[in-house]
PDB file of N, CA and C in Angstrom:
ATOM      1  N   UNK A   1     -24.351 -19.963 -30.622  1.00  0.00           N
ATOM      2  CA  UNK A   1     -23.137 -19.279 -30.240  1.00  0.00           C
ATOM      3  C   UNK A   1     -23.412 -17.817 -29.894  1.00  0.00           C
ATOM      4  N   UNK A   2     -24.302 -17.193 -30.657  1.00  0.00           N
ATOM      5  CA  UNK A   2     -24.618 -15.797 -30.402  1.00  0.00           C
ATOM      6  C   UNK A   2     -25.271 -15.646 -29.032  1.00  0.00           C
ATOM      7  N   UNK A   3     -26.140 -16.577 -28.666  1.00  0.00           N
ATOM      8  CA  UNK A   3     -26.797 -16.531 -27.359  1.00  0.00           C
ATOM      9  C   UNK A   3     -25.761 -16.694 -26.241  1.00  0.00           C
ATOM     10  N   UNK A   4     -24.801 -17.584 -26.437  1.00  0.00           N
ATOM     11  CA  UNK A   4     -23.752 -17.784 -25.445  1.00  0.00           C
ATOM     12  C   UNK A   4     -22.925 -16.521 -25.250  1.00  0.00           C
ATOM     13  N   UNK A   5     -22.538 -15.878 -26.344  1.00  0.00           N
ATOM     14  CA  UNK A   5     -21.741 -14.659 -26.239  1.00  0.00           C
ATOM     15  C   UNK A   5     -22.510 -13.533 -25.573  1.00  0.00           C
ATOM     16  N   UNK A   6     -23.799 -13.419 -25.878  1.00  0.00           N
ATOM     17  CA  UNK A   6     -24.630 -12.402 -25.250  1.00  0.00           C
ATOM     18  C   UNK A   6     -24.728 -12.640 -23.750  1.00  0.00           C
ATOM     19  N   UNK A   7     -24.939 -13.886 -23.366  1.00  0.00           N
ATOM     20  CA  UNK A   7     -25.025 -14.230 -21.956  1.00  0.00           C
ATOM     21  C   UNK A   7     -23.681 -14.005 -21.259  1.00  0.00           C
ATOM     22  N   UNK A   8     -22.594 -14.389 -21.912  1.00  0.00           N
ATOM     23  CA  UNK A   8     -21.257 -14.223 -21.337  1.00  0.00           C
ATOM     24  C   UNK A   8     -20.933 -12.753 -21.139  1.00  0.00           C
ATOM     25  N   UNK A   9     -21.276 -11.919 -22.088  1.00  0.00           N
ATOM     26  CA  UNK A   9     -20.998 -10.484 -22.002  1.00  0.00           C
ATOM     27  C   UNK A   9     -21.803  -9.821 -20.891  1.00  0.00           C
ATOM     28  N   UNK A  10     -22.997 -10.302 -20.647  1.00  0.00           N
ATOM     29  CA  UNK A  10     -23.851  -9.727 -19.614  1.00  0.00           C
ATOM     30  C   UNK A  10     -23.549 -10.218 -18.212  1.00  0.00           C
ATOM     31  N   UNK A  11     -22.753 -11.255 -18.096  1.00  0.00           N
ATOM     32  CA  UNK A  11     -22.429 -11.809 -16.789  1.00  0.00           C
ATOM     33  C   UNK A  11     -21.356 -10.960 -16.121  1.00  0.00           C
ATOM     34  N   UNK A  12     -21.666 -10.395 -14.937  1.00  0.00           N
ATOM     35  CA  UNK A  12     -20.729  -9.522 -14.226  1.00  0.00           C
ATOM     36  C   UNK A  12     -20.329 -10.109 -12.870  1.00  0.00           C
ATOM     37  N   UNK A  13     -20.458 -11.403 -12.687  1.00  0.00           N
ATOM     38  CA  UNK A  13     -20.160 -11.996 -11.396  1.00  0.00           C
ATOM     39  C   UNK A  13     -18.706 -11.811 -10.985  1.00  0.00           C
ATOM     40  N   UNK A  14     -17.771 -11.847 -11.890  1.00  0.00           N
ATOM     41  CA  UNK A  14     -16.359 -11.709 -11.561  1.00  0.00           C
ATOM     42  C   UNK A  14     -15.884 -10.267 -11.481  1.00  0.00           C
ATOM     43  N   UNK A  15     -16.692  -9.332 -11.934  1.00  0.00           N
ATOM     44  CA  UNK A  15     -16.280  -7.931 -11.972  1.00  0.00           C
ATOM     45  C   UNK A  15     -16.047  -7.374 -10.570  1.00  0.00           C
ATOM     46  N   UNK A  16     -16.852  -7.778  -9.605  1.00  0.00           N
ATOM     47  CA  UNK A  16     -16.688  -7.287  -8.241  1.00  0.00           C
ATOM     48  C   UNK A  16     -15.365  -7.771  -7.663  1.00  0.00           C
ATOM     49  N   UNK A  17     -14.987  -8.990  -7.975  1.00  0.00           N
ATOM     50  CA  UNK A  17     -13.715  -9.535  -7.495  1.00  0.00           C
ATOM     51  C   UNK A  17     -12.551  -8.728  -8.045  1.00  0.00           C
ATOM     52  N   UNK A  18     -12.609  -8.398  -9.308  1.00  0.00           N
ATOM     53  CA  UNK A  18     -11.539  -7.602  -9.917  1.00  0.00           C
ATOM     54  C   UNK A  18     -11.464  -6.231  -9.256  1.00  0.00           C
ATOM     55  N   UNK A  19     -12.603  -5.614  -8.994  1.00  0.00           N
ATOM     56  CA  UNK A  19     -12.621  -4.313  -8.311  1.00  0.00           C
ATOM     57  C   UNK A  19     -11.954  -4.406  -6.949  1.00  0.00           C
ATOM     58  N   UNK A  20     -12.295  -5.430  -6.186  1.00  0.00           N
ATOM     59  CA  UNK A  20     -11.713  -5.586  -4.844  1.00  0.00           C
ATOM     60  C   UNK A  20     -10.208  -5.827  -4.918  1.00  0.00           C
ATOM     61  N   UNK A  21      -9.761  -6.597  -5.884  1.00  0.00           N
ATOM     62  CA  UNK A  21      -8.323  -6.842  -6.032  1.00  0.00           C
ATOM     63  C   UNK A  21      -7.591  -5.538  -6.314  1.00  0.00           C
ATOM     64  N   UNK A  22      -8.139  -4.720  -7.179  1.00  0.00           N
ATOM     65  CA  UNK A  22      -7.516  -3.433  -7.512  1.00  0.00           C
ATOM     66  C   UNK A  22      -7.508  -2.516  -6.298  1.00  0.00           C
ATOM     67  N   UNK A  23      -8.607  -2.458  -5.565  1.00  0.00           N
ATOM     68  CA  UNK A  23      -8.677  -1.604  -4.376  1.00  0.00           C
ATOM     69  C   UNK A  23      -7.676  -2.062  -3.315  1.00  0.00           C
ATOM     70  N   UNK A  24      -7.637  -3.361  -3.052  1.00  0.00           N
ATOM     71  CA  UNK A  24      -6.711  -3.875  -2.041  1.00  0.00           C
ATOM     72  C   UNK A  24      -5.264  -3.643  -2.464  1.00  0.00           C
ATOM     73  N   UNK A  25      -4.958  -3.818  -3.722  1.00  0.00           N
ATOM     74  CA  UNK A  25      -3.595  -3.565  -4.198  1.00  0.00           C
ATOM     75  C   UNK A  25      -3.218  -2.095  -4.002  1.00  0.00           C
ATOM     76  N   UNK A  26      -4.150  -1.197  -4.227  1.00  0.00           N
ATOM     77  CA  UNK A  26      -3.889   0.234  -3.996  1.00  0.00           C
ATOM     78  C   UNK A  26      -3.654   0.550  -2.534  1.00  0.00           C
ATOM     79  N   UNK A  27      -4.447  -0.042  -1.662  1.00  0.00           N
ATOM     80  CA  UNK A  27      -4.280   0.184  -0.225  1.00  0.00           C
ATOM     81  C   UNK A  27      -2.935  -0.364   0.251  1.00  0.00           C
ATOM     82  N   UNK A  28      -2.567  -1.527  -0.228  1.00  0.00           N
ATOM     83  CA  UNK A  28      -1.267  -2.105   0.149  1.00  0.00           C
ATOM     84  C   UNK A  28      -0.125  -1.220  -0.355  1.00  0.00           C
ATOM     85  N   UNK A  29      -0.218  -0.736  -1.567  1.00  0.00           N
ATOM     86  CA  UNK A  29       0.823   0.136  -2.121  1.00  0.00           C
ATOM     87  C   UNK A  29       0.945   1.422  -1.309  1.00  0.00           C
ATOM     88  N   UNK A  30      -0.174   2.015  -0.919  1.00  0.00           N
ATOM     89  CA  UNK A  30      -0.122   3.216  -0.090  1.00  0.00           C
ATOM     90  C   UNK A  30       0.481   2.920   1.276  1.00  0.00           C
ATOM     91  N   UNK A  31       0.158   1.763   1.837  1.00  0.00           N
ATOM     92  CA  UNK A  31       0.727   1.370   3.122  1.00  0.00           C
ATOM     93  C   UNK A  31       2.240   1.205   3.053  1.00  0.00           C
ATOM     94  N   UNK A  32       2.711   0.573   1.992  1.00  0.00           N
ATOM     95  CA  UNK A  32       4.159   0.389   1.824  1.00  0.00           C
ATOM     96  C   UNK A  32       4.840   1.739   1.651  1.00  0.00           C
ATOM     97  N   UNK A  33       4.255   2.626   0.868  1.00  0.00           N
ATOM     98  CA  UNK A  33       4.837   3.956   0.665  1.00  0.00           C
ATOM     99  C   UNK A  33       4.885   4.738   1.977  1.00  0.00           C
ATOM    100  N   UNK A  34       3.820   4.671   2.751  1.00  0.00           N
ATOM    101  CA  UNK A  34       3.793   5.380   4.038  1.00  0.00           C
ATOM    102  C   UNK A  34       4.829   4.807   4.997  1.00  0.00           C
ATOM    103  N   UNK A  35       4.936   3.490   5.061  1.00  0.00           N
ATOM    104  CA  UNK A  35       5.911   2.875   5.964  1.00  0.00           C
ATOM    105  C   UNK A  35       7.341   3.231   5.572  1.00  0.00           C
ATOM    106  N   UNK A  36       7.610   3.327   4.289  1.00  0.00           N
ATOM    107  CA  UNK A  36       8.945   3.706   3.833  1.00  0.00           C
ATOM    108  C   UNK A  36       9.275   5.126   4.279  1.00  0.00           C
ATOM    109  N   UNK A  37       8.336   6.031   4.125  1.00  0.00           N
ATOM    110  CA  UNK A  37       8.542   7.412   4.548  1.00  0.00           C
ATOM    111  C   UNK A  37       8.710   7.510   6.056  1.00  0.00           C
ATOM    112  N   UNK A  38       7.861   6.830   6.799  1.00  0.00           N
ATOM    113  CA  UNK A  38       7.934   6.867   8.262  1.00  0.00           C
ATOM    114  C   UNK A  38       9.238   6.246   8.748  1.00  0.00           C
ATOM    115  N   UNK A  39       9.658   5.141   8.138  1.00  0.00           N
ATOM    116  CA  UNK A  39      10.894   4.479   8.561  1.00  0.00           C
ATOM    117  C   UNK A  39      12.096   5.401   8.370  1.00  0.00           C
ATOM    118  N   UNK A  40      12.154   6.062   7.235  1.00  0.00           N
ATOM    119  CA  UNK A  40      13.279   6.963   6.953  1.00  0.00           C
ATOM    120  C   UNK A  40      13.314   8.106   7.957  1.00  0.00           C
ATOM    121  N   UNK A  41      12.196   8.738   8.185  1.00  0.00           N
ATOM    122  CA  UNK A  41      12.140   9.866   9.113  1.00  0.00           C
ATOM    123  C   UNK A  41      12.396   9.425  10.555  1.00  0.00           C
ATOM    124  N   UNK A  42      11.887   8.263  10.940  1.00  0.00           N
ATOM    125  CA  UNK A  42      12.108   7.768  12.292  1.00  0.00           C
ATOM    126  C   UNK A  42      13.587   7.438  12.517  1.00  0.00           C
ATOM    127  N   UNK A  43      14.222   6.871  11.516  1.00  0.00           N
ATOM    128  CA  UNK A  43      15.659   6.562  11.627  1.00  0.00           C
ATOM    129  C   UNK A  43      16.471   7.850  11.762  1.00  0.00           C
ATOM    130  N   UNK A  44      16.148   8.851  10.977  1.00  0.00           N
ATOM    131  CA  UNK A  44      16.852  10.137  11.085  1.00  0.00           C
ATOM    132  C   UNK A  44      16.645  10.770  12.460  1.00  0.00           C
ATOM    133  N   UNK A  45      15.431  10.734  12.963  1.00  0.00           N
ATOM    134  CA  UNK A  45      15.141  11.305  14.279  1.00  0.00           C
ATOM    135  C   UNK A  45      15.877  10.558  15.376  1.00  0.00           C
ATOM    136  N   UNK A  46      15.890   9.232  15.306  1.00  0.00           N
ATOM    137  CA  UNK A  46      16.586   8.437  16.318  1.00  0.00           C
ATOM    138  C   UNK A  46      18.086   8.692  16.288  1.00  0.00           C
ATOM    139  N   UNK A  47      18.657   8.828  15.105  1.00  0.00           N
ATOM    140  CA  UNK A  47      20.086   9.110  14.979  1.00  0.00           C
ATOM    141  C   UNK A  47      20.424  10.477  15.561  1.00  0.00           C
ATOM    142  N   UNK A  48      19.630  11.479  15.244  1.00  0.00           N
ATOM    143  CA  UNK A  48      19.855  12.817  15.761  1.00  0.00           C
ATOM    144  C   UNK A  48      19.709  12.843  17.278  1.00  0.00           C
ATOM    145  N   UNK A  49      18.700  12.179  17.794  1.00  0.00           N
ATOM    146  CA  UNK A  49      18.487  12.139  19.241  1.00  0.00           C
ATOM    147  C   UNK A  49      19.652  11.435  19.935  1.00  0.00           C
ATOM    148  N   UNK A  50      20.103  10.333  19.372  1.00  0.00           N
ATOM    149  CA  UNK A  50      21.235   9.614  19.949  1.00  0.00           C
ATOM    150  C   UNK A  50      22.502  10.455  19.969  1.00  0.00           C
ATOM    151  N   UNK A  51      22.759  11.184  18.906  1.00  0.00           N
ATOM    152  CA  UNK A  51      23.939  12.052  18.855  1.00  0.00           C
ATOM    153  C   UNK A  51      23.834  13.168  19.883  1.00  0.00           C
ATOM    154  N   UNK A  52      22.654  13.743  20.022  1.00  0.00           N
ATOM    155  CA  UNK A  52      22.457  14.828  20.993  1.00  0.00           C
ATOM    156  C   UNK A  52      22.679  14.325  22.410  1.00  0.00           C
ATOM    157  N   UNK A  53      22.120  13.194  22.730  1.00  0.00           N
ATOM    158  CA  UNK A  53      22.296  12.625  24.070  1.00  0.00           C
ATOM    159  C   UNK A  53      23.761  12.284  24.315  1.00  0.00           C
ATOM    160  N   UNK A  54      24.411  11.725  23.323  1.00  0.00           N
ATOM    161  CA  UNK A  54      25.818  11.350  23.453  1.00  0.00           C
ATOM    162  C   UNK A  54      26.695  12.580  23.656  1.00  0.00           C
ATOM    163  N   UNK A  55      26.407  13.658  22.929  1.00  0.00           N
ATOM    164  CA  UNK A  55      27.196  14.877  23.062  1.00  0.00           C
ATOM    165  C   UNK A  55      27.011  15.517  24.441  1.00  0.00           C
ATOM    166  N   UNK A  56      25.829  15.480  24.986  1.00  0.00           N
ATOM    167  CA  UNK A  56      25.569  16.096  26.297  1.00  0.00           C
ATOM    168  C   UNK A  56      26.077  15.263  27.445  1.00  0.00           C
ATOM    169  N   UNK A  57      26.267  13.983  27.219  1.00  0.00           N
ATOM    170  CA  UNK A  57      26.752  13.107  28.282  1.00  0.00           C
ATOM    171  C   UNK A  57      28.266  13.270  28.474  1.00  0.00           C
ATOM    172  N   UNK A  58      28.948  13.842  27.531  1.00  0.00           N
ATOM    173  CA  UNK A  58      30.398  13.974  27.617  1.00  0.00           C
ATOM    174  C   UNK A  58      30.811  15.136  28.475  1.00  0.00           C
TER     175      UNK A  58
END
């Protein structure tokens, strides 16, 4: 049993997978945060532009 536990503790084959999952989750979270910010600002800009064009057309 001691040999099995020593071998199991030294095995790092799955560690790289966990690292990649954490990295990808971080990238996805940053992407979602950026898209939320861009969407809000783009909507505000489009609304302001539409109002300006509408006011000048009258």
